[in-house]
Amino acid sequence: MKLSGVIMVSLALALSACASRETPTVELPGGVNPETQQTQRAPNFFDRMIGNDQRQNVGPCPLMGVLYDTARVVKFEQPGNQRYANIAFTGEMQGVHGLCRYVESDPIRMNMEIEMAFGRGPAATSDRQTYRYWVAVTRRGRAPIEKVYFDVDVRFPRGEQVVTHRERIDQIVIPRANEEVSGENFEILVGFDLTPEQLQFNRDGRRFRIDAGEGQAPGQ
């Protein structure tokens, strides 16, 4: 998977810091201890290439999360008929977790995982469904710098109405103008690609969830 305009790299790097949708971004460990920095040998080119760079991040990771209005998708077999019996498929993003790494004036290198759950409704006529979602890199409180779309092909095993899935984005690299620019200036948001009707359905506060073992009963 590639983010156009956002550099993707394949080197295995030592990563620190993590975040989730439920809690604020937490850096592990945080900042740079000046005394430690003075005694550490600066890694050379070879060290950087093989990931042998133990220096701490110079700042926190970007905030990661699911955009609320696009966290769920409900597909009805017959458009306009928003009854539970007419549900073909549902999807829900349940959390985002990630790691980041940056020192000196290096760009911010990140990977992330998205926890998802998918449901097959009573009106489904297939055991397969393709869901589309997006990942956006933004400046805090501003329009996206980059937004890229991905597809998840889901197969429901025989007799299963719900499946869970973990989607991994291997490397996102966010350039920094200089070493004074911290990761807290950025956000990484994810959500489903929705039609205008699906988006309005979510904004109206309506929801149906296909629950394992619940038969025909809608989840609230």
C-alpha atoms as a PDB file:
ATOM      1  CA  MET A   1       0.000   0.000   0.000  1.00  0.00           C
ATOM      2  CA  LYS A   2       1.289   3.472  -0.809  1.00  0.00           C
ATOM      3  CA  LEU A   3       0.403   6.941   0.313  1.00  0.00           C
ATOM      4  CA  SER A   4       0.963   9.223  -2.698  1.00  0.00           C
ATOM      5  CA  GLY A   5       2.887  12.296  -1.668  1.00  0.00           C
ATOM      6  CA  VAL A   6       3.714  10.695   1.691  1.00  0.00           C
ATOM      7  CA  ILE A   7       6.980   8.774   1.521  1.00  0.00           C
ATOM      8  CA  MET A   8       6.794   5.053   2.298  1.00  0.00           C
ATOM      9  CA  VAL A   9       9.935   3.245   3.478  1.00  0.00           C
ATOM     10  CA  SER A  10      10.803  -0.395   4.047  1.00  0.00           C
ATOM     11  CA  LEU A  11      13.643  -0.203   6.552  1.00  0.00           C
ATOM     12  CA  ALA A  12      12.952  -1.834   9.899  1.00  0.00           C
ATOM     13  CA  LEU A  13      13.425   0.950  12.431  1.00  0.00           C
ATOM     14  CA  ALA A  14      13.456   0.994  16.207  1.00  0.00           C
ATOM     15  CA  LEU A  15      10.052   2.447  17.093  1.00  0.00           C
ATOM     16  CA  SER A  16       8.850   4.113  20.257  1.00  0.00           C
ATOM     17  CA  ALA A  17       5.621   5.791  21.386  1.00  0.00           C
ATOM     18  CA  CYS A  18       2.100   4.537  20.990  1.00  0.00           C
ATOM     19  CA  ALA A  19      -1.437   5.854  20.909  1.00  0.00           C
ATOM     20  CA  SER A  20      -5.006   4.639  20.654  1.00  0.00           C
ATOM     21  CA  ARG A  21      -8.415   6.076  19.979  1.00  0.00           C
ATOM     22  CA  GLU A  22      -9.417   5.763  23.627  1.00  0.00           C
ATOM     23  CA  THR A  23      -6.488   7.597  25.225  1.00  0.00           C
ATOM     24  CA  PRO A  24      -4.379  10.661  24.451  1.00  0.00           C
ATOM     25  CA  THR A  25      -1.101  10.151  22.628  1.00  0.00           C
ATOM     26  CA  VAL A  26       1.506   8.890  25.078  1.00  0.00           C
ATOM     27  CA  GLU A  27       5.191   8.904  24.315  1.00  0.00           C
ATOM     28  CA  LEU A  28       7.217   5.965  25.647  1.00  0.00           C
ATOM     29  CA  PRO A  29       9.757   7.207  26.596  1.00  0.00           C
ATOM     30  CA  GLY A  30       9.213  10.959  26.252  1.00  0.00           C
ATOM     31  CA  GLY A  31      11.596  13.613  25.086  1.00  0.00           C
ATOM     32  CA  VAL A  32      15.375  13.642  25.271  1.00  0.00           C
ATOM     33  CA  ASN A  33      17.339  13.767  28.493  1.00  0.00           C
ATOM     34  CA  PRO A  34      20.086  16.399  27.893  1.00  0.00           C
ATOM     35  CA  GLU A  35      22.634  14.512  30.062  1.00  0.00           C
ATOM     36  CA  THR A  36      21.972  11.283  28.215  1.00  0.00           C
ATOM     37  CA  GLN A  37      22.154  13.034  24.874  1.00  0.00           C
ATOM     38  CA  GLN A  38      25.603  14.402  25.688  1.00  0.00           C
ATOM     39  CA  THR A  39      27.009  10.950  26.540  1.00  0.00           C
ATOM     40  CA  GLN A  40      25.479   9.101  23.599  1.00  0.00           C
ATOM     41  CA  ARG A  41      27.513   8.594  20.447  1.00  0.00           C
ATOM     42  CA  ALA A  42      25.665   9.945  17.447  1.00  0.00           C
ATOM     43  CA  PRO A  43      24.788   7.006  15.163  1.00  0.00           C
ATOM     44  CA  ASN A  44      26.614   6.887  11.873  1.00  0.00           C
ATOM     45  CA  PHE A  45      25.140   6.111   8.469  1.00  0.00           C
ATOM     46  CA  PHE A  46      25.512   2.355   8.960  1.00  0.00           C
ATOM     47  CA  ASP A  47      23.746   2.518  12.317  1.00  0.00           C
ATOM     48  CA  ARG A  48      20.805   4.309  10.739  1.00  0.00           C
ATOM     49  CA  MET A  49      20.592   1.823   7.872  1.00  0.00           C
ATOM     50  CA  ILE A  50      20.311  -1.224  10.140  1.00  0.00           C
ATOM     51  CA  GLY A  51      18.111   0.492  12.716  1.00  0.00           C
ATOM     52  CA  ASN A  52      20.777   0.503  15.441  1.00  0.00           C
ATOM     53  CA  ASP A  53      19.768   3.921  16.782  1.00  0.00           C
ATOM     54  CA  GLN A  54      18.718   3.861  20.426  1.00  0.00           C
ATOM     55  CA  ARG A  55      18.169   7.590  20.886  1.00  0.00           C
ATOM     56  CA  GLN A  56      14.821   8.650  22.262  1.00  0.00           C
ATOM     57  CA  ASN A  57      12.215  10.466  20.212  1.00  0.00           C
ATOM     58  CA  VAL A  58      12.565  14.238  20.274  1.00  0.00           C
ATOM     59  CA  GLY A  59       8.806  14.730  20.724  1.00  0.00           C
ATOM     60  CA  PRO A  60       5.426  13.016  20.968  1.00  0.00           C
ATOM     61  CA  CYS A  61       3.753  11.046  18.203  1.00  0.00           C
ATOM     62  CA  PRO A  62       0.919  12.473  16.107  1.00  0.00           C
ATOM     63  CA  LEU A  63      -2.539  11.869  17.540  1.00  0.00           C
ATOM     64  CA  MET A  64      -4.273   8.878  15.922  1.00  0.00           C
ATOM     65  CA  GLY A  65      -7.983   8.142  15.889  1.00  0.00           C
ATOM     66  CA  VAL A  66     -11.186   7.241  14.053  1.00  0.00           C
ATOM     67  CA  LEU A  67     -13.322  10.097  12.724  1.00  0.00           C
ATOM     68  CA  TYR A  68     -16.614   9.592  14.587  1.00  0.00           C
ATOM     69  CA  ASP A  69     -19.051  10.229  11.730  1.00  0.00           C
ATOM     70  CA  THR A  70     -17.279   7.693   9.519  1.00  0.00           C
ATOM     71  CA  ALA A  71     -16.526   5.007  12.103  1.00  0.00           C
ATOM     72  CA  ARG A  72     -19.451   2.814  10.940  1.00  0.00           C
ATOM     73  CA  VAL A  73     -20.985   1.730   7.671  1.00  0.00           C
ATOM     74  CA  VAL A  74     -24.368   0.076   7.062  1.00  0.00           C
ATOM     75  CA  LYS A  75     -25.207  -1.192   3.586  1.00  0.00           C
ATOM     76  CA  PHE A  76     -28.892  -1.841   2.856  1.00  0.00           C
ATOM     77  CA  GLU A  77     -29.852  -4.270   0.099  1.00  0.00           C
ATOM     78  CA  GLN A  78     -32.625  -1.950  -1.110  1.00  0.00           C
ATOM     79  CA  PRO A  79     -31.577   1.732  -0.938  1.00  0.00           C
ATOM     80  CA  GLY A  80     -33.988   3.846   1.067  1.00  0.00           C
ATOM     81  CA  ASN A  81     -35.360   0.919   3.067  1.00  0.00           C
ATOM     82  CA  GLN A  82     -33.598   1.407   6.402  1.00  0.00           C
ATOM     83  CA  ARG A  83     -35.039  -1.574   8.243  1.00  0.00           C
ATOM     84  CA  TYR A  84     -32.985  -4.208  10.020  1.00  0.00           C
ATOM     85  CA  ALA A  85     -34.355  -6.944   7.758  1.00  0.00           C
ATOM     86  CA  ASN A  86     -32.933  -5.052   4.763  1.00  0.00           C
ATOM     87  CA  ILE A  87     -29.321  -4.923   6.035  1.00  0.00           C
ATOM     88  CA  ALA A  88     -26.798  -6.617   3.775  1.00  0.00           C
ATOM     89  CA  PHE A  89     -23.517  -5.756   5.500  1.00  0.00           C
ATOM     90  CA  THR A  90     -22.162  -3.605   8.325  1.00  0.00           C
ATOM     91  CA  GLY A  91     -18.704  -2.469   9.348  1.00  0.00           C
ATOM     92  CA  GLU A  92     -17.256  -0.773  12.401  1.00  0.00           C
ATOM     93  CA  MET A  93     -13.813   0.600  13.247  1.00  0.00           C
ATOM     94  CA  GLN A  94     -13.065  -0.312  16.843  1.00  0.00           C
ATOM     95  CA  GLY A  95      -9.688   1.267  17.490  1.00  0.00           C
ATOM     96  CA  VAL A  96      -6.412   2.573  16.124  1.00  0.00           C
ATOM     97  CA  HIS A  97      -2.949   1.854  17.500  1.00  0.00           C
ATOM     98  CA  GLY A  98       0.421   2.953  16.216  1.00  0.00           C
ATOM     99  CA  LEU A  99       4.111   3.554  16.744  1.00  0.00           C
ATOM    100  CA  CYS A 100       6.353   6.395  15.653  1.00  0.00           C
ATOM    101  CA  ARG A 101      10.029   7.224  15.461  1.00  0.00           C
ATOM    102  CA  TYR A 102      11.912  10.482  14.813  1.00  0.00           C
ATOM    103  CA  VAL A 103      15.167  12.072  16.012  1.00  0.00           C
ATOM    104  CA  GLU A 104      16.975  15.319  15.168  1.00  0.00           C
ATOM    105  CA  SER A 105      15.433  16.688  11.954  1.00  0.00           C
ATOM    106  CA  ASP A 106      14.403  13.294  10.572  1.00  0.00           C
ATOM    107  CA  PRO A 107      10.874  12.873   9.222  1.00  0.00           C
ATOM    108  CA  ILE A 108       8.300  11.155  11.420  1.00  0.00           C
ATOM    109  CA  ARG A 109       8.118   7.467  10.561  1.00  0.00           C
ATOM    110  CA  MET A 110       5.022   5.620  11.691  1.00  0.00           C
ATOM    111  CA  ASN A 111       3.142   2.378  11.372  1.00  0.00           C
ATOM    112  CA  MET A 112      -0.403   1.766  12.530  1.00  0.00           C
ATOM    113  CA  GLU A 113      -3.029  -0.936  12.963  1.00  0.00           C
ATOM    114  CA  ILE A 114      -6.789  -0.497  12.637  1.00  0.00           C
ATOM    115  CA  GLU A 115      -9.130  -2.885  14.466  1.00  0.00           C
ATOM    116  CA  MET A 116     -12.310  -3.578  12.486  1.00  0.00           C
ATOM    117  CA  ALA A 117     -15.433  -5.719  12.844  1.00  0.00           C
ATOM    118  CA  PHE A 118     -17.731  -6.676   9.973  1.00  0.00           C
ATOM    119  CA  GLY A 119     -21.266  -8.074   9.978  1.00  0.00           C
ATOM    120  CA  ARG A 120     -23.328 -10.021   7.447  1.00  0.00           C
ATOM    121  CA  GLY A 121     -26.990  -9.034   7.711  1.00  0.00           C
ATOM    122  CA  PRO A 122     -30.242 -10.877   6.980  1.00  0.00           C
ATOM    123  CA  ALA A 123     -30.527  -9.413   3.463  1.00  0.00           C
ATOM    124  CA  ALA A 124     -26.997 -10.431   2.357  1.00  0.00           C
ATOM    125  CA  THR A 125     -26.894 -12.572  -0.778  1.00  0.00           C
ATOM    126  CA  SER A 126     -23.134 -13.255  -0.709  1.00  0.00           C
ATOM    127  CA  ASP A 127     -20.487 -14.360   1.777  1.00  0.00           C
ATOM    128  CA  ARG A 128     -18.034 -11.735   0.484  1.00  0.00           C
ATOM    129  CA  GLN A 129     -17.960  -7.966   0.714  1.00  0.00           C
ATOM    130  CA  THR A 130     -15.400  -5.281  -0.112  1.00  0.00           C
ATOM    131  CA  TYR A 131     -15.190  -2.347   2.282  1.00  0.00           C
ATOM    132  CA  ARG A 132     -13.367   0.879   1.417  1.00  0.00           C
ATOM    133  CA  TYR A 133     -11.692   3.041   4.044  1.00  0.00           C
ATOM    134  CA  TRP A 134      -9.323   5.997   4.051  1.00  0.00           C
ATOM    135  CA  VAL A 135      -6.293   7.218   5.992  1.00  0.00           C
ATOM    136  CA  ALA A 136      -5.668  10.965   6.213  1.00  0.00           C
ATOM    137  CA  VAL A 137      -2.634  12.882   7.486  1.00  0.00           C
ATOM    138  CA  THR A 138      -3.628  16.336   8.685  1.00  0.00           C
ATOM    139  CA  ARG A 139      -2.257  19.264  10.565  1.00  0.00           C
ATOM    140  CA  ARG A 140      -4.052  19.572  13.897  1.00  0.00           C
ATOM    141  CA  GLY A 141      -7.437  21.194  13.282  1.00  0.00           C
ATOM    142  CA  ARG A 142      -6.801  21.782   9.576  1.00  0.00           C
ATOM    143  CA  ALA A 143      -7.652  20.217   6.219  1.00  0.00           C
ATOM    144  CA  PRO A 144      -5.900  16.948   5.278  1.00  0.00           C
ATOM    145  CA  ILE A 145      -2.392  17.106   3.883  1.00  0.00           C
ATOM    146  CA  GLU A 146      -2.940  13.726   2.235  1.00  0.00           C
ATOM    147  CA  LYS A 147      -5.886  11.302   2.087  1.00  0.00           C
ATOM    148  CA  VAL A 148      -5.566   7.846   0.556  1.00  0.00           C
ATOM    149  CA  TYR A 149      -8.128   5.068   0.085  1.00  0.00           C
ATOM    150  CA  PHE A 150      -7.744   1.321   0.659  1.00  0.00           C
ATOM    151  CA  ASP A 151      -9.972  -1.718   0.129  1.00  0.00           C
ATOM    152  CA  VAL A 152     -10.538  -4.606   2.542  1.00  0.00           C
ATOM    153  CA  ASP A 153     -11.938  -7.805   1.035  1.00  0.00           C
ATOM    154  CA  VAL A 154     -13.891  -9.692   3.703  1.00  0.00           C
ATOM    155  CA  ARG A 155     -15.129 -13.271   3.513  1.00  0.00           C
ATOM    156  CA  PHE A 156     -17.638 -14.608   6.019  1.00  0.00           C
ATOM    157  CA  PRO A 157     -17.061 -18.296   6.788  1.00  0.00           C
ATOM    158  CA  ARG A 158     -20.069 -20.587   6.549  1.00  0.00           C
ATOM    159  CA  GLY A 159     -22.445 -19.921   9.419  1.00  0.00           C
ATOM    160  CA  GLU A 160     -20.525 -16.858  10.659  1.00  0.00           C
ATOM    161  CA  GLN A 161     -22.292 -13.512  10.790  1.00  0.00           C
ATOM    162  CA  VAL A 162     -19.428 -11.484  12.297  1.00  0.00           C
ATOM    163  CA  VAL A 163     -15.710 -11.405  11.524  1.00  0.00           C
ATOM    164  CA  THR A 164     -12.956  -9.241  12.979  1.00  0.00           C
ATOM    165  CA  HIS A 165      -9.971  -7.924  11.078  1.00  0.00           C
ATOM    166  CA  ARG A 166      -6.738  -6.067  11.814  1.00  0.00           C
ATOM    167  CA  GLU A 167      -5.568  -3.818   8.995  1.00  0.00           C
ATOM    168  CA  ARG A 168      -1.904  -2.783   9.052  1.00  0.00           C
ATOM    169  CA  ILE A 169      -0.348   0.289   7.426  1.00  0.00           C
ATOM    170  CA  ASP A 170       3.360  -0.550   7.384  1.00  0.00           C
ATOM    171  CA  GLN A 171       5.061   2.824   7.094  1.00  0.00           C
ATOM    172  CA  ILE A 172       3.834   6.394   6.913  1.00  0.00           C
ATOM    173  CA  VAL A 173       6.505   9.076   6.718  1.00  0.00           C
ATOM    174  CA  ILE A 174       5.624  12.694   7.500  1.00  0.00           C
ATOM    175  CA  PRO A 175       8.299  15.219   6.446  1.00  0.00           C
ATOM    176  CA  ARG A 176       9.206  17.950   8.945  1.00  0.00           C
ATOM    177  CA  ALA A 177      10.312  21.447   7.924  1.00  0.00           C
ATOM    178  CA  ASN A 178      12.957  21.411  10.665  1.00  0.00           C
ATOM    179  CA  GLU A 179      13.780  19.752  13.976  1.00  0.00           C
ATOM    180  CA  GLU A 180      11.565  22.208  15.875  1.00  0.00           C
ATOM    181  CA  VAL A 181       8.418  20.701  14.304  1.00  0.00           C
ATOM    182  CA  SER A 182       6.929  18.144  16.690  1.00  0.00           C
ATOM    183  CA  GLY A 183       4.654  15.221  15.973  1.00  0.00           C
ATOM    184  CA  GLU A 184       1.943  16.866  18.065  1.00  0.00           C
ATOM    185  CA  ASN A 185       1.371  19.229  15.121  1.00  0.00           C
ATOM    186  CA  PHE A 186      -0.149  16.358  13.124  1.00  0.00           C
ATOM    187  CA  GLU A 187      -3.082  13.955  13.282  1.00  0.00           C
ATOM    188  CA  ILE A 188      -3.682  10.673  11.496  1.00  0.00           C
ATOM    189  CA  LEU A 189      -7.388   9.942  11.073  1.00  0.00           C
ATOM    190  CA  VAL A 190      -9.161   6.918   9.588  1.00  0.00           C
ATOM    191  CA  GLY A 191     -12.740   6.245   8.515  1.00  0.00           C
ATOM    192  CA  PHE A 192     -14.955   4.352   6.075  1.00  0.00           C
ATOM    193  CA  ASP A 193     -15.633   5.774   2.628  1.00  0.00           C
ATOM    194  CA  LEU A 194     -19.376   6.501   2.811  1.00  0.00           C
ATOM    195  CA  THR A 195     -22.092   7.593   0.434  1.00  0.00           C
ATOM    196  CA  PRO A 196     -23.927  10.801   1.378  1.00  0.00           C
ATOM    197  CA  GLU A 197     -26.862   8.664   2.575  1.00  0.00           C
ATOM    198  CA  GLN A 198     -24.630   6.482   4.760  1.00  0.00           C
ATOM    199  CA  LEU A 199     -22.952   9.546   6.240  1.00  0.00           C
ATOM    200  CA  GLN A 200     -26.328  11.119   7.068  1.00  0.00           C
ATOM    201  CA  PHE A 201     -27.484   7.836   8.623  1.00  0.00           C
ATOM    202  CA  ASN A 202     -24.538   8.017  11.036  1.00  0.00           C
ATOM    203  CA  ARG A 203     -25.025  11.721  11.772  1.00  0.00           C
ATOM    204  CA  ASP A 204     -28.675  11.082  12.607  1.00  0.00           C
ATOM    205  CA  GLY A 205     -27.478   8.797  15.388  1.00  0.00           C
ATOM    206  CA  ARG A 206     -29.007   5.676  13.839  1.00  0.00           C
ATOM    207  CA  ARG A 207     -27.115   2.408  13.972  1.00  0.00           C
ATOM    208  CA  PHE A 208     -27.484  -1.303  13.469  1.00  0.00           C
ATOM    209  CA  ARG A 209     -24.869  -3.832  14.472  1.00  0.00           C
ATOM    210  CA  ILE A 210     -24.795  -7.504  13.546  1.00  0.00           C
ATOM    211  CA  ASP A 211     -23.923  -9.294  16.803  1.00  0.00           C
ATOM    212  CA  ALA A 212     -22.592 -12.840  16.913  1.00  0.00           C
ATOM    213  CA  GLY A 213     -25.228 -15.215  18.260  1.00  0.00           C
ATOM    214  CA  GLU A 214     -27.970 -12.583  18.221  1.00  0.00           C
ATOM    215  CA  GLY A 215     -29.855 -13.959  15.234  1.00  0.00           C
ATOM    216  CA  GLN A 216     -32.130 -11.256  13.855  1.00  0.00           C
ATOM    217  CA  ALA A 217     -31.907  -8.842  16.783  1.00  0.00           C
ATOM    218  CA  PRO A 218     -30.338  -5.446  15.986  1.00  0.00           C
ATOM    219  CA  GLY A 219     -27.542  -4.169  18.201  1.00  0.00           C
ATOM    220  CA  GLN A 220     -28.027  -0.687  19.664  1.00  0.00           C
END
